[in-house]
């Protein structure tokens, strides 16, 4: 019985570690997308400025 509990605990611990790793990956991907979006926003603003200068 004790061994079963220990095995169950180890499985849950591994599962928890996997979920934490997946969360870290998702947060990194989110940060990467936010950076890309910010860069696009900056580029758009620069292009808009350039267009105004042309006018």
N, C-alpha and C. Protein backbone atom coordinates (compact mmCIF):
# COMPACT_ATOMS: atom_id res chain seq x y z
N UNK A 1 0.84 -1.21 0.00
CA UNK A 1 0.00 0.00 0.00
C UNK A 1 0.87 1.26 0.00
N UNK A 2 1.88 1.24 0.86
CA UNK A 2 2.79 2.38 0.93
C UNK A 2 3.52 2.58 -0.39
N UNK A 3 3.90 1.46 -1.00
CA UNK A 3 4.60 1.53 -2.29
C UNK A 3 3.70 2.13 -3.37
N UNK A 4 2.43 1.74 -3.33
CA UNK A 4 1.46 2.29 -4.30
C UNK A 4 1.33 3.80 -4.14
N UNK A 5 1.27 4.23 -2.90
CA UNK A 5 1.16 5.67 -2.63
C UNK A 5 2.41 6.40 -3.12
N UNK A 6 3.56 5.79 -2.87
CA UNK A 6 4.82 6.40 -3.30
C UNK A 6 4.88 6.50 -4.82
N UNK A 7 4.47 5.43 -5.51
CA UNK A 7 4.46 5.44 -6.98
C UNK A 7 3.49 6.49 -7.51
N UNK A 8 2.33 6.57 -6.88
CA UNK A 8 1.32 7.55 -7.29
C UNK A 8 1.86 8.96 -7.10
N UNK A 9 2.52 9.17 -5.97
CA UNK A 9 3.11 10.48 -5.69
C UNK A 9 4.17 10.83 -6.74
N UNK A 10 5.03 9.87 -7.07
CA UNK A 10 6.08 10.10 -8.06
C UNK A 10 5.48 10.43 -9.43
N UNK A 11 4.41 9.71 -9.80
CA UNK A 11 3.75 9.98 -11.08
C UNK A 11 3.17 11.40 -11.11
N UNK A 12 2.53 11.76 -10.01
CA UNK A 12 1.93 13.10 -9.93
C UNK A 12 3.01 14.17 -9.95
N UNK A 13 4.12 13.88 -9.30
CA UNK A 13 5.24 14.82 -9.28
C UNK A 13 5.80 15.02 -10.69
N UNK A 14 5.97 13.92 -11.42
CA UNK A 14 6.46 14.00 -12.80
C UNK A 14 5.48 14.78 -13.67
N UNK A 15 4.20 14.48 -13.49
CA UNK A 15 3.16 15.17 -14.26
C UNK A 15 3.20 16.67 -13.98
N UNK A 16 3.36 17.01 -12.71
CA UNK A 16 3.44 18.42 -12.31
C UNK A 16 4.65 19.09 -12.96
N UNK A 17 5.78 18.40 -12.99
CA UNK A 17 6.99 18.95 -13.60
C UNK A 17 6.79 19.17 -15.10
N UNK A 18 6.10 18.22 -15.74
CA UNK A 18 5.81 18.36 -17.18
C UNK A 18 4.92 19.57 -17.42
N UNK A 19 3.89 19.71 -16.60
CA UNK A 19 2.99 20.86 -16.75
C UNK A 19 3.72 22.18 -16.54
N UNK A 20 4.62 22.20 -15.55
CA UNK A 20 5.40 23.42 -15.30
C UNK A 20 6.28 23.76 -16.50
N UNK A 21 6.89 22.73 -17.08
CA UNK A 21 7.74 22.95 -18.26
C UNK A 21 6.91 23.46 -19.43
N UNK A 22 5.73 22.87 -19.62
CA UNK A 22 4.85 23.32 -20.71
C UNK A 22 4.40 24.76 -20.49
N UNK A 23 4.15 25.12 -19.24
CA UNK A 23 3.77 26.49 -18.92
C UNK A 23 4.91 27.45 -19.24
N UNK A 24 6.13 27.08 -18.87
CA UNK A 24 7.29 27.94 -19.18
C UNK A 24 7.43 28.14 -20.68
N UNK A 25 7.26 27.06 -21.43
CA UNK A 25 7.35 27.15 -22.90
C UNK A 25 6.27 28.09 -23.44
N UNK A 26 5.05 27.92 -22.94
CA UNK A 26 3.94 28.77 -23.40
C UNK A 26 4.20 30.24 -23.07
N UNK A 27 4.77 30.50 -21.89
CA UNK A 27 5.06 31.88 -21.51
C UNK A 27 6.17 32.48 -22.38
N UNK A 28 7.16 31.66 -22.71
CA UNK A 28 8.23 32.12 -23.61
C UNK A 28 7.67 32.43 -25.00
N UNK A 29 6.80 31.55 -25.49
CA UNK A 29 6.18 31.77 -26.80
C UNK A 29 5.33 33.04 -26.78
N UNK A 30 4.62 33.26 -25.68
CA UNK A 30 3.79 34.46 -25.54
C UNK A 30 4.67 35.71 -25.58
N UNK A 31 5.78 35.68 -24.84
CA UNK A 31 6.69 36.83 -24.82
C UNK A 31 7.26 37.09 -26.21
N UNK A 32 7.59 36.01 -26.91
CA UNK A 32 8.13 36.14 -28.27
C UNK A 32 7.10 36.79 -29.20
N UNK A 33 5.86 36.35 -29.10
CA UNK A 33 4.79 36.93 -29.94
C UNK A 33 4.54 38.39 -29.58
N UNK A 34 4.59 38.70 -28.28
CA UNK A 34 4.39 40.09 -27.87
C UNK A 34 5.51 40.98 -28.41
N UNK A 35 6.74 40.46 -28.41
CA UNK A 35 7.87 41.21 -28.96
C UNK A 35 7.68 41.46 -30.45
N UNK A 36 7.26 40.42 -31.17
CA UNK A 36 7.02 40.57 -32.61
C UNK A 36 5.93 41.60 -32.87
N UNK A 37 4.88 41.54 -32.07
CA UNK A 37 3.78 42.48 -32.22
C UNK A 37 4.26 43.91 -31.96
N UNK A 38 5.07 44.07 -30.93
CA UNK A 38 5.61 45.40 -30.60
C UNK A 38 6.50 45.91 -31.74
N UNK A 39 7.32 45.04 -32.30
CA UNK A 39 8.17 45.43 -33.43
C UNK A 39 7.33 45.85 -34.63
N UNK A 40 6.28 45.08 -34.90
CA UNK A 40 5.38 45.43 -36.01
C UNK A 40 4.73 46.78 -35.77
N UNK A 41 4.34 47.01 -34.53
CA UNK A 41 3.70 48.26 -34.16
C UNK A 41 4.66 49.43 -34.38
N UNK A 42 5.92 49.24 -33.98
CA UNK A 42 6.94 50.28 -34.17
C UNK A 42 7.16 50.54 -35.66
N UNK A 43 7.26 49.46 -36.43
CA UNK A 43 7.44 49.61 -37.88
C UNK A 43 6.27 50.35 -38.51
N UNK A 44 5.07 50.00 -38.10
CA UNK A 44 3.87 50.66 -38.64
C UNK A 44 3.90 52.15 -38.32
N UNK A 45 4.29 52.48 -37.09
CA UNK A 45 4.35 53.88 -36.68
C UNK A 45 5.40 54.62 -37.51
N UNK A 46 6.54 53.97 -37.75
CA UNK A 46 7.60 54.60 -38.56
C UNK A 46 7.13 54.80 -39.99
N UNK A 47 6.42 53.81 -40.53
CA UNK A 47 5.91 53.93 -41.90
C UNK A 47 4.89 55.06 -42.00
N UNK A 48 4.06 55.16 -40.99
CA UNK A 48 3.05 56.22 -40.96
C UNK A 48 3.72 57.59 -40.94
N UNK A 49 4.77 57.71 -40.12
CA UNK A 49 5.54 58.96 -40.05
C UNK A 49 6.15 59.29 -41.41
N UNK A 50 6.72 58.29 -42.05
CA UNK A 50 7.35 58.47 -43.36
C UNK A 50 6.32 58.94 -44.39
N UNK A 51 5.12 58.38 -44.32
CA UNK A 51 4.05 58.78 -45.24
C UNK A 51 3.67 60.24 -45.02
N UNK A 52 3.59 60.64 -43.75
CA UNK A 52 3.22 62.02 -43.42
C UNK A 52 4.28 62.99 -43.94
N UNK A 53 5.55 62.57 -43.84
CA UNK A 53 6.65 63.41 -44.32
C UNK A 53 6.53 63.60 -45.83
N UNK A 54 6.15 62.54 -46.54
CA UNK A 54 5.98 62.61 -48.00
C UNK A 54 4.89 63.61 -48.38
N UNK A 55 3.84 63.64 -47.57
CA UNK A 55 2.73 64.55 -47.85
C UNK A 55 3.18 65.97 -47.59
